[in-house]
N, C-alpha and C. Protein backbone atom coordinates (compact mmCIF):
# COMPACT_ATOMS: atom_id res chain seq x y z
N MET A 1 89.47 93.09 62.15
CA MET A 1 88.90 93.96 63.15
C MET A 1 89.15 93.42 64.56
N THR A 2 88.96 92.11 64.72
CA THR A 2 89.16 91.50 66.02
C THR A 2 90.62 91.60 66.45
N LYS A 3 91.54 91.41 65.49
CA LYS A 3 92.97 91.51 65.79
C LYS A 3 93.32 92.93 66.23
N THR A 4 92.78 93.93 65.57
CA THR A 4 93.03 95.33 65.92
C THR A 4 92.48 95.64 67.31
N LEU A 5 91.29 95.16 67.60
CA LEU A 5 90.67 95.37 68.91
C LEU A 5 91.49 94.69 70.01
N THR A 6 91.98 93.49 69.76
CA THR A 6 92.80 92.77 70.73
C THR A 6 94.10 93.52 71.01
N ILE A 7 94.76 94.02 69.98
CA ILE A 7 96.00 94.78 70.15
C ILE A 7 95.72 96.07 70.91
N ALA A 8 94.64 96.76 70.58
CA ALA A 8 94.29 98.00 71.28
C ALA A 8 94.00 97.73 72.75
N THR A 9 93.30 96.66 73.05
CA THR A 9 93.00 96.30 74.43
C THR A 9 94.28 95.98 75.20
N PHE A 10 95.18 95.23 74.56
CA PHE A 10 96.45 94.88 75.18
C PHE A 10 97.27 96.13 75.47
N LEU A 11 97.38 97.04 74.51
CA LEU A 11 98.15 98.27 74.70
C LEU A 11 97.55 99.14 75.80
N THR A 12 96.24 99.24 75.85
CA THR A 12 95.58 100.02 76.89
C THR A 12 95.88 99.42 78.27
N ALA A 13 95.83 98.10 78.37
CA ALA A 13 96.11 97.44 79.65
C ALA A 13 97.56 97.65 80.06
N MET A 14 98.48 97.58 79.11
CA MET A 14 99.89 97.78 79.42
C MET A 14 100.17 99.20 79.87
N ILE A 15 99.57 100.18 79.21
CA ILE A 15 99.80 101.58 79.57
C ILE A 15 99.22 101.88 80.94
N SER A 16 97.99 101.48 81.19
CA SER A 16 97.38 101.78 82.49
C SER A 16 98.03 100.97 83.60
N GLY A 17 98.41 99.72 83.35
CA GLY A 17 99.09 98.91 84.35
C GLY A 17 100.48 99.43 84.64
N GLY A 18 101.19 99.86 83.63
CA GLY A 18 102.53 100.41 83.80
C GLY A 18 102.51 101.68 84.60
N ALA A 19 101.52 102.52 84.37
CA ALA A 19 101.42 103.77 85.13
C ALA A 19 101.17 103.49 86.59
N ALA A 20 100.36 102.49 86.89
CA ALA A 20 100.08 102.16 88.28
C ALA A 20 101.32 101.60 88.97
N LEU A 21 102.10 100.80 88.26
CA LEU A 21 103.28 100.21 88.86
C LEU A 21 104.39 101.24 89.06
N ALA A 22 104.46 102.23 88.18
CA ALA A 22 105.53 103.21 88.25
C ALA A 22 105.31 104.24 89.36
N SER A 23 104.10 104.36 89.85
CA SER A 23 103.77 105.38 90.83
C SER A 23 104.13 104.93 92.24
N ASP A 24 104.84 105.81 92.96
CA ASP A 24 105.11 105.54 94.37
C ASP A 24 104.53 106.67 95.22
N ASP A 25 103.53 107.33 94.69
CA ASP A 25 102.86 108.42 95.38
C ASP A 25 101.78 107.86 96.30
N CYS A 26 101.40 108.67 97.30
CA CYS A 26 100.30 108.32 98.20
C CYS A 26 99.11 109.21 97.87
N TYR A 27 97.95 108.66 97.92
CA TYR A 27 96.74 109.40 97.56
C TYR A 27 95.70 109.37 98.67
N GLU A 28 96.14 109.44 99.90
CA GLU A 28 95.23 109.44 101.05
C GLU A 28 94.68 110.85 101.28
N PRO A 29 93.38 110.98 101.52
CA PRO A 29 92.83 112.30 101.87
C PRO A 29 93.46 112.80 103.17
N MET A 30 93.74 114.09 103.23
CA MET A 30 94.38 114.68 104.41
C MET A 30 93.59 114.39 105.70
N ALA A 31 92.29 114.28 105.59
CA ALA A 31 91.45 114.01 106.77
C ALA A 31 91.78 112.66 107.41
N ASN A 32 92.39 111.75 106.64
CA ASN A 32 92.71 110.41 107.14
C ASN A 32 94.15 110.30 107.65
N TRP A 33 94.94 111.34 107.49
CA TRP A 33 96.36 111.27 107.86
C TRP A 33 96.57 111.19 109.36
N GLN A 34 97.59 110.43 109.75
CA GLN A 34 98.06 110.42 111.13
C GLN A 34 98.84 111.72 111.35
N PRO A 35 98.82 112.28 112.55
CA PRO A 35 99.58 113.51 112.79
C PRO A 35 101.09 113.24 112.77
N ARG A 36 101.87 114.30 112.55
CA ARG A 36 103.33 114.20 112.49
C ARG A 36 103.89 113.58 113.78
N GLY A 37 103.27 113.87 114.92
CA GLY A 37 103.70 113.29 116.19
C GLY A 37 103.60 111.77 116.20
N ALA A 38 102.59 111.23 115.54
CA ALA A 38 102.44 109.78 115.46
C ALA A 38 103.57 109.18 114.61
N VAL A 39 104.01 109.91 113.59
CA VAL A 39 105.13 109.46 112.76
C VAL A 39 106.41 109.45 113.60
N ALA A 40 106.62 110.52 114.37
CA ALA A 40 107.80 110.59 115.25
C ALA A 40 107.79 109.46 116.28
N ASP A 41 106.62 109.17 116.86
CA ASP A 41 106.50 108.08 117.82
C ASP A 41 106.78 106.73 117.16
N PHE A 42 106.28 106.55 115.93
CA PHE A 42 106.52 105.33 115.17
C PHE A 42 108.02 105.11 114.99
N ALA A 43 108.73 106.17 114.60
CA ALA A 43 110.17 106.08 114.37
C ALA A 43 110.92 105.80 115.68
N MET A 44 110.53 106.47 116.74
CA MET A 44 111.17 106.28 118.03
C MET A 44 110.97 104.84 118.52
N ASP A 45 109.76 104.31 118.37
CA ASP A 45 109.46 102.94 118.77
C ASP A 45 110.29 101.93 117.96
N ALA A 46 110.64 102.30 116.72
CA ALA A 46 111.46 101.43 115.87
C ALA A 46 112.95 101.55 116.23
N GLY A 47 113.30 102.50 117.08
CA GLY A 47 114.68 102.67 117.48
C GLY A 47 115.49 103.55 116.54
N TRP A 48 114.81 104.39 115.76
CA TRP A 48 115.49 105.25 114.80
C TRP A 48 115.70 106.64 115.39
N LEU A 49 116.84 107.24 115.10
CA LEU A 49 117.13 108.62 115.46
C LEU A 49 116.75 109.48 114.26
N VAL A 50 115.68 110.24 114.39
CA VAL A 50 115.11 110.99 113.27
C VAL A 50 115.88 112.28 113.02
N HIS A 51 116.26 112.48 111.76
CA HIS A 51 116.86 113.74 111.33
C HIS A 51 115.81 114.64 110.70
N ARG A 52 114.86 114.02 109.98
CA ARG A 52 113.86 114.83 109.27
C ARG A 52 112.63 114.00 108.96
N ILE A 53 111.47 114.63 109.12
CA ILE A 53 110.21 114.06 108.66
C ILE A 53 109.65 115.06 107.67
N LYS A 54 109.37 114.59 106.46
CA LYS A 54 108.82 115.50 105.46
C LYS A 54 107.72 114.78 104.68
N ILE A 55 107.03 115.54 103.88
CA ILE A 55 105.99 115.00 103.01
C ILE A 55 106.54 115.04 101.59
N ASP A 56 106.51 113.89 100.92
CA ASP A 56 107.01 113.78 99.56
C ASP A 56 106.03 112.95 98.75
N ASP A 57 105.52 113.53 97.69
CA ASP A 57 104.55 112.85 96.81
C ASP A 57 103.35 112.32 97.59
N GLY A 58 102.91 113.06 98.60
CA GLY A 58 101.74 112.69 99.38
C GLY A 58 102.00 111.64 100.44
N CYS A 59 103.26 111.24 100.64
CA CYS A 59 103.63 110.25 101.65
C CYS A 59 104.49 110.92 102.72
N TYR A 60 104.50 110.33 103.91
CA TYR A 60 105.49 110.76 104.90
C TYR A 60 106.82 110.12 104.52
N GLU A 61 107.89 110.89 104.67
CA GLU A 61 109.23 110.36 104.43
C GLU A 61 110.08 110.70 105.65
N ILE A 62 110.72 109.69 106.21
CA ILE A 62 111.57 109.85 107.39
C ILE A 62 113.02 109.64 106.97
N GLN A 63 113.87 110.58 107.32
CA GLN A 63 115.32 110.41 107.17
C GLN A 63 115.86 110.26 108.58
N ALA A 64 116.56 109.15 108.81
CA ALA A 64 116.96 108.81 110.18
C ALA A 64 118.23 107.97 110.17
N VAL A 65 118.65 107.60 111.38
CA VAL A 65 119.75 106.67 111.58
C VAL A 65 119.18 105.50 112.38
N ASP A 66 119.47 104.27 111.91
CA ASP A 66 118.95 103.10 112.63
C ASP A 66 119.85 102.74 113.80
N ALA A 67 119.50 101.71 114.53
CA ALA A 67 120.22 101.30 115.73
C ALA A 67 121.67 100.90 115.44
N GLU A 68 121.96 100.50 114.20
CA GLU A 68 123.31 100.11 113.81
C GLU A 68 124.11 101.30 113.28
N GLY A 69 123.52 102.49 113.28
CA GLY A 69 124.22 103.69 112.83
C GLY A 69 124.15 103.95 111.33
N ARG A 70 123.32 103.21 110.61
CA ARG A 70 123.17 103.39 109.17
C ARG A 70 122.16 104.48 108.86
N GLN A 71 122.45 105.29 107.85
CA GLN A 71 121.50 106.28 107.36
C GLN A 71 120.37 105.53 106.65
N ILE A 72 119.13 105.85 106.99
CA ILE A 72 117.99 105.19 106.37
C ILE A 72 116.98 106.23 105.90
N GLU A 73 116.18 105.82 104.95
CA GLU A 73 115.08 106.65 104.46
C GLU A 73 113.86 105.74 104.33
N ILE A 74 112.79 106.13 105.00
CA ILE A 74 111.58 105.31 105.06
C ILE A 74 110.42 106.12 104.51
N THR A 75 109.63 105.51 103.65
CA THR A 75 108.42 106.13 103.13
C THR A 75 107.23 105.43 103.77
N LEU A 76 106.32 106.23 104.35
CA LEU A 76 105.15 105.69 105.05
C LEU A 76 103.86 106.16 104.41
N ASN A 77 102.86 105.28 104.44
CA ASN A 77 101.51 105.68 104.09
C ASN A 77 101.04 106.64 105.18
N PRO A 78 100.57 107.84 104.83
CA PRO A 78 100.24 108.83 105.85
C PRO A 78 99.02 108.49 106.70
N ALA A 79 98.15 107.61 106.22
CA ALA A 79 96.96 107.25 106.98
C ALA A 79 97.21 106.07 107.91
N THR A 80 97.93 105.07 107.41
CA THR A 80 98.11 103.82 108.17
C THR A 80 99.49 103.70 108.80
N LEU A 81 100.44 104.53 108.37
CA LEU A 81 101.85 104.46 108.76
C LEU A 81 102.49 103.14 108.35
N GLU A 82 101.92 102.50 107.35
CA GLU A 82 102.50 101.30 106.76
C GLU A 82 103.78 101.69 106.02
N ILE A 83 104.84 100.90 106.17
CA ILE A 83 106.09 101.17 105.47
C ILE A 83 105.92 100.79 104.00
N LEU A 84 106.08 101.78 103.12
CA LEU A 84 105.96 101.55 101.69
C LEU A 84 107.32 101.34 101.03
N ASP A 85 108.35 101.96 101.59
CA ASP A 85 109.70 101.82 101.05
C ASP A 85 110.69 102.03 102.19
N PHE A 86 111.77 101.26 102.18
CA PHE A 86 112.79 101.34 103.22
C PHE A 86 114.14 101.22 102.53
N GLU A 87 114.97 102.24 102.66
CA GLU A 87 116.26 102.24 101.99
C GLU A 87 117.38 102.51 102.98
N TYR A 88 118.49 101.81 102.80
CA TYR A 88 119.72 102.14 103.50
C TYR A 88 120.49 103.06 102.57
N GLU A 89 120.90 104.19 103.06
CA GLU A 89 121.64 105.14 102.26
C GLU A 89 123.12 104.80 102.32
N ASP A 90 123.72 104.57 101.17
CA ASP A 90 125.15 104.26 101.09
C ASP A 90 125.83 105.35 100.30
N HIS A 91 126.72 106.08 100.93
CA HIS A 91 127.37 107.21 100.28
C HIS A 91 128.79 106.89 99.86
N HIS A 92 129.15 105.61 99.75
CA HIS A 92 130.49 105.22 99.32
C HIS A 92 130.57 105.24 97.80
N ASP A 93 131.57 105.94 97.27
CA ASP A 93 131.81 106.02 95.83
C ASP A 93 130.53 106.42 95.10
N ASP A 94 130.30 105.80 93.96
CA ASP A 94 129.09 106.06 93.18
C ASP A 94 128.10 104.93 93.33
N ASP A 95 128.34 104.06 94.29
CA ASP A 95 127.51 102.88 94.51
C ASP A 95 126.29 103.26 95.33
N ASP A 96 125.12 103.33 94.69
CA ASP A 96 123.88 103.71 95.39
C ASP A 96 123.16 102.44 95.79
N GLN A 97 123.19 102.10 97.06
CA GLN A 97 122.57 100.89 97.57
C GLN A 97 121.20 101.19 98.12
N SER A 98 120.19 100.52 97.62
CA SER A 98 118.85 100.61 98.18
C SER A 98 118.40 99.19 98.47
N HIS A 99 117.88 98.98 99.64
CA HIS A 99 117.48 97.64 100.05
C HIS A 99 116.08 97.69 100.62
N GLY A 100 115.34 96.60 100.43
CA GLY A 100 114.02 96.50 101.00
C GLY A 100 114.07 96.32 102.50
N SER A 101 112.92 96.39 103.13
CA SER A 101 112.86 96.32 104.59
C SER A 101 113.26 94.95 105.12
N SER A 102 113.32 93.92 104.26
CA SER A 102 113.70 92.60 104.72
C SER A 102 115.21 92.40 104.68
N HIS A 103 115.98 93.42 104.29
CA HIS A 103 117.44 93.31 104.20
C HIS A 103 118.03 92.99 105.57
N ASP A 104 118.88 91.95 105.61
CA ASP A 104 119.44 91.54 106.90
C ASP A 104 120.88 91.99 107.09
N GLY A 105 121.46 92.65 106.09
CA GLY A 105 122.80 93.19 106.24
C GLY A 105 123.91 92.20 105.96
N GLU A 106 123.58 90.91 105.74
CA GLU A 106 124.61 89.92 105.49
C GLU A 106 125.26 90.22 104.15
N GLY A 107 126.55 90.05 104.10
CA GLY A 107 127.29 90.23 102.87
C GLY A 107 127.68 91.67 102.60
N ASP A 108 127.25 92.60 103.42
CA ASP A 108 127.63 94.00 103.23
C ASP A 108 129.04 94.21 103.75
N THR A 109 129.88 94.76 102.92
CA THR A 109 131.21 95.15 103.37
C THR A 109 131.49 96.54 102.91
N HIS A 110 131.99 97.35 103.81
CA HIS A 110 132.32 98.74 103.49
C HIS A 110 133.72 99.02 103.97
N ASP A 111 134.56 99.47 103.06
CA ASP A 111 135.94 99.81 103.42
C ASP A 111 136.04 101.22 103.91
């Protein structure tokens, strides 16, 4: 009985933990959201040329070009404007490059 209970507890923890890790959605109440203008100001202050600001899975998503001319996609918490995800869009061949916000660009070569 104890072995069955331990296995059931482990499986429940894995399922609930896995679901939390797999989610990249935002769950902020709309009353707490920063206005779209604040998102545009945030992007401008970062030096990004914004192509689009949209809402995706409850988060703000910015499609822009950075100061180096790279296509970027940034996901922000709508209440705090904290960067949740930062990707460089690479459209060369079938190579889909996604990099975290700490990416320094070293070693990147594009023909």
